[in-house]
Amino acid sequence: MQIEQTLISIVSQLLEDPSTLSCDVGQSGNAKELILITTDPKDLPRIIGKNGRTISAIRTVVRAIYASKGNTERLLITCRS
């Protein structure tokens, strides 16, 4: 899928260990697509960025992709334990 490849190419550049990154797209209960990014806990601050600026920029890109298709999304980030 386009969104998975786009997110992996963006987020993997931020991580110390890109091999821990995974991105899954599914449906949530309220007709939104659910995007789940999973990575190592040590890389989470790199994805969030200072004052949340990095994740905000990532969300903006995701929203733009979905808006062009007329869809809505929900982006979640989790850590592997």
N, C-alpha and C. Protein backbone atom coordinates (compact mmCIF):
# COMPACT_ATOMS: atom_id res chain seq x y z
N MET A 1 0.84 -1.19 0.00
CA MET A 1 0.00 0.00 0.00
C MET A 1 0.88 1.25 0.00
N GLN A 2 0.36 2.30 -0.54
CA GLN A 2 1.12 3.54 -0.65
C GLN A 2 1.44 4.14 0.71
N ILE A 3 0.48 4.16 1.61
CA ILE A 3 0.70 4.80 2.90
C ILE A 3 1.74 4.06 3.72
N GLU A 4 1.71 2.74 3.69
CA GLU A 4 2.70 1.96 4.44
C GLU A 4 4.11 2.24 3.93
N GLN A 5 4.29 2.22 2.63
CA GLN A 5 5.60 2.47 2.05
C GLN A 5 6.07 3.89 2.34
N THR A 6 5.16 4.85 2.26
CA THR A 6 5.51 6.24 2.54
C THR A 6 5.95 6.42 3.98
N LEU A 7 5.18 5.87 4.92
CA LEU A 7 5.53 5.99 6.34
C LEU A 7 6.83 5.28 6.66
N ILE A 8 7.04 4.11 6.11
CA ILE A 8 8.28 3.38 6.38
C ILE A 8 9.47 4.17 5.85
N SER A 9 9.34 4.74 4.66
CA SER A 9 10.48 5.50 4.12
C SER A 9 10.76 6.77 4.92
N ILE A 10 9.73 7.41 5.47
CA ILE A 10 9.93 8.61 6.28
C ILE A 10 10.48 8.25 7.66
N VAL A 11 9.81 7.36 8.35
CA VAL A 11 10.14 7.06 9.75
C VAL A 11 11.46 6.30 9.87
N SER A 12 11.76 5.43 8.93
CA SER A 12 13.00 4.65 9.04
C SER A 12 14.24 5.53 9.03
N GLN A 13 14.15 6.70 8.41
CA GLN A 13 15.29 7.62 8.39
C GLN A 13 15.57 8.22 9.76
N LEU A 14 14.59 8.16 10.65
CA LEU A 14 14.73 8.75 11.98
C LEU A 14 15.29 7.78 13.01
N LEU A 15 15.26 6.50 12.74
CA LEU A 15 15.54 5.48 13.74
C LEU A 15 16.99 5.05 13.77
N GLU A 16 17.44 4.64 14.96
CA GLU A 16 18.76 4.04 15.11
C GLU A 16 18.79 2.66 14.47
N ASP A 17 17.70 1.91 14.65
CA ASP A 17 17.61 0.56 14.12
C ASP A 17 16.32 0.42 13.30
N PRO A 18 16.37 0.76 12.01
CA PRO A 18 15.16 0.70 11.17
C PRO A 18 14.58 -0.70 11.01
N SER A 19 15.34 -1.73 11.33
CA SER A 19 14.83 -3.09 11.18
C SER A 19 13.71 -3.39 12.19
N THR A 20 13.59 -2.58 13.25
CA THR A 20 12.54 -2.81 14.25
C THR A 20 11.22 -2.16 13.86
N LEU A 21 11.20 -1.43 12.77
CA LEU A 21 10.02 -0.67 12.35
C LEU A 21 9.04 -1.56 11.60
N SER A 22 7.76 -1.44 11.96
CA SER A 22 6.71 -2.08 11.18
C SER A 22 5.54 -1.11 11.08
N CYS A 23 4.80 -1.23 9.99
CA CYS A 23 3.66 -0.36 9.75
C CYS A 23 2.51 -1.23 9.24
N ASP A 24 1.37 -1.16 9.92
CA ASP A 24 0.20 -1.94 9.53
C ASP A 24 -0.99 -1.01 9.36
N VAL A 25 -1.79 -1.28 8.35
CA VAL A 25 -2.98 -0.48 8.09
C VAL A 25 -4.19 -1.40 8.17
N GLY A 26 -5.20 -0.97 8.92
CA GLY A 26 -6.43 -1.75 9.06
C GLY A 26 -7.61 -0.81 9.23
N GLN A 27 -8.76 -1.37 9.53
CA GLN A 27 -9.97 -0.58 9.73
C GLN A 27 -10.29 -0.47 11.21
N SER A 28 -10.68 0.73 11.65
CA SER A 28 -11.17 0.89 13.02
C SER A 28 -12.69 0.88 12.97
N GLY A 29 -13.30 0.87 14.10
CA GLY A 29 -14.75 0.73 14.17
C GLY A 29 -15.56 1.87 13.61
N ASN A 30 -15.00 3.06 13.51
CA ASN A 30 -15.79 4.21 13.09
C ASN A 30 -15.45 4.67 11.67
N ALA A 31 -15.21 3.72 10.77
CA ALA A 31 -14.97 3.97 9.34
C ALA A 31 -13.68 4.72 9.04
N LYS A 32 -12.80 4.79 10.02
CA LYS A 32 -11.49 5.38 9.78
C LYS A 32 -10.50 4.25 9.55
N GLU A 33 -9.47 4.55 8.78
CA GLU A 33 -8.39 3.58 8.65
C GLU A 33 -7.45 3.77 9.83
N LEU A 34 -7.02 2.68 10.40
CA LEU A 34 -6.12 2.69 11.54
C LEU A 34 -4.72 2.37 11.06
N ILE A 35 -3.78 3.26 11.33
CA ILE A 35 -2.39 3.07 10.93
C ILE A 35 -1.59 2.86 12.21
N LEU A 36 -0.92 1.74 12.30
CA LEU A 36 -0.17 1.39 13.50
C LEU A 36 1.31 1.31 13.16
N ILE A 37 2.11 2.17 13.78
CA ILE A 37 3.56 2.14 13.62
C ILE A 37 4.13 1.54 14.89
N THR A 38 4.94 0.50 14.75
CA THR A 38 5.55 -0.16 15.90
C THR A 38 7.06 -0.12 15.74
N THR A 39 7.75 0.20 16.85
CA THR A 39 9.21 0.29 16.82
C THR A 39 9.78 -0.01 18.19
N ASP A 40 11.07 0.00 18.29
CA ASP A 40 11.78 -0.22 19.54
C ASP A 40 11.55 0.98 20.47
N PRO A 41 11.39 0.76 21.77
CA PRO A 41 11.15 1.88 22.70
C PRO A 41 12.24 2.96 22.67
N LYS A 42 13.48 2.59 22.42
CA LYS A 42 14.55 3.59 22.42
C LYS A 42 14.42 4.57 21.25
N ASP A 43 13.68 4.19 20.20
CA ASP A 43 13.51 5.05 19.04
C ASP A 43 12.27 5.93 19.12
N LEU A 44 11.42 5.70 20.09
CA LEU A 44 10.19 6.48 20.21
C LEU A 44 10.42 7.99 20.31
N PRO A 45 11.39 8.45 21.13
CA PRO A 45 11.63 9.90 21.19
C PRO A 45 12.05 10.49 19.84
N ARG A 46 12.70 9.70 19.02
CA ARG A 46 13.10 10.18 17.69
C ARG A 46 11.88 10.38 16.80
N ILE A 47 10.86 9.54 16.95
CA ILE A 47 9.65 9.68 16.15
C ILE A 47 8.82 10.86 16.65
N ILE A 48 8.75 11.03 17.95
CA ILE A 48 7.95 12.12 18.51
C ILE A 48 8.61 13.46 18.27
N GLY A 49 9.92 13.55 18.48
CA GLY A 49 10.64 14.80 18.24
C GLY A 49 10.46 15.79 19.37
N LYS A 50 11.15 16.92 19.26
CA LYS A 50 11.04 17.98 20.27
C LYS A 50 9.65 18.59 20.22
N ASN A 51 9.01 18.60 21.38
CA ASN A 51 7.66 19.16 21.52
C ASN A 51 6.67 18.55 20.54
N GLY A 52 6.93 17.33 20.08
CA GLY A 52 6.00 16.65 19.18
C GLY A 52 6.01 17.14 17.75
N ARG A 53 7.02 17.89 17.38
CA ARG A 53 7.05 18.46 16.03
C ARG A 53 7.20 17.41 14.94
N THR A 54 8.02 16.40 15.19
CA THR A 54 8.25 15.37 14.17
C THR A 54 6.99 14.56 13.93
N ILE A 55 6.35 14.09 14.98
CA ILE A 55 5.13 13.31 14.80
C ILE A 55 4.02 14.17 14.21
N SER A 56 4.00 15.43 14.54
CA SER A 56 3.01 16.34 13.95
C SER A 56 3.20 16.45 12.44
N ALA A 57 4.44 16.53 12.00
CA ALA A 57 4.73 16.59 10.57
C ALA A 57 4.35 15.28 9.88
N ILE A 58 4.62 14.16 10.55
CA ILE A 58 4.24 12.86 9.98
C ILE A 58 2.73 12.77 9.85
N ARG A 59 2.01 13.20 10.88
CA ARG A 59 0.54 13.18 10.83
C ARG A 59 0.02 14.06 9.70
N THR A 60 0.66 15.19 9.47
CA THR A 60 0.24 16.09 8.39
C THR A 60 0.37 15.40 7.04
N VAL A 61 1.47 14.69 6.83
CA VAL A 61 1.66 13.95 5.58
C VAL A 61 0.59 12.87 5.42
N VAL A 62 0.33 12.13 6.50
CA VAL A 62 -0.67 11.07 6.45
C VAL A 62 -2.06 11.65 6.16
N ARG A 63 -2.42 12.73 6.82
CA ARG A 63 -3.73 13.35 6.59
C ARG A 63 -3.86 13.84 5.15
N ALA A 64 -2.79 14.39 4.60
CA ALA A 64 -2.83 14.87 3.22
C ALA A 64 -3.07 13.72 2.24
N ILE A 65 -2.42 12.59 2.49
CA ILE A 65 -2.61 11.42 1.62
C ILE A 65 -4.06 10.95 1.69
N TYR A 66 -4.59 10.85 2.90
CA TYR A 66 -5.96 10.37 3.06
C TYR A 66 -6.99 11.39 2.59
N ALA A 67 -6.74 12.66 2.78
CA ALA A 67 -7.68 13.69 2.33
C ALA A 67 -7.80 13.67 0.81
N SER A 68 -6.70 13.39 0.12
CA SER A 68 -6.76 13.34 -1.34
C SER A 68 -7.63 12.18 -1.83
N LYS A 69 -7.81 11.17 -0.98
CA LYS A 69 -8.67 10.03 -1.32
C LYS A 69 -10.08 10.18 -0.75
N GLY A 70 -10.29 11.21 0.05
CA GLY A 70 -11.60 11.41 0.67
C GLY A 70 -11.83 10.53 1.88
N ASN A 71 -10.77 10.01 2.47
CA ASN A 71 -10.86 9.13 3.65
C ASN A 71 -10.36 9.85 4.89
N THR A 72 -10.58 9.23 6.04
CA THR A 72 -10.01 9.72 7.29
C THR A 72 -9.16 8.62 7.91
N GLU A 73 -8.31 8.99 8.85
CA GLU A 73 -7.36 8.05 9.41
C GLU A 73 -7.16 8.29 10.89
N ARG A 74 -6.53 7.33 11.53
CA ARG A 74 -6.09 7.45 12.92
C ARG A 74 -4.71 6.82 12.99
N LEU A 75 -3.73 7.58 13.44
CA LEU A 75 -2.35 7.13 13.49
C LEU A 75 -1.96 6.82 14.93
N LEU A 76 -1.50 5.60 15.18
CA LEU A 76 -1.05 5.17 16.50
C LEU A 76 0.39 4.72 16.42
N ILE A 77 1.16 5.00 17.48
CA ILE A 77 2.54 4.56 17.55
C ILE A 77 2.69 3.73 18.81
N THR A 78 3.25 2.54 18.67
CA THR A 78 3.46 1.66 19.81
C THR A 78 4.92 1.21 19.84
N CYS A 79 5.32 0.68 20.99
CA CYS A 79 6.68 0.18 21.17
C CYS A 79 6.65 -1.32 21.42
N ARG A 80 7.65 -1.99 20.90
CA ARG A 80 7.82 -3.40 21.23
C ARG A 80 8.46 -3.48 22.61
N SER A 81 8.04 -4.44 23.40
CA SER A 81 8.64 -4.58 24.72
C SER A 81 9.82 -5.52 24.70
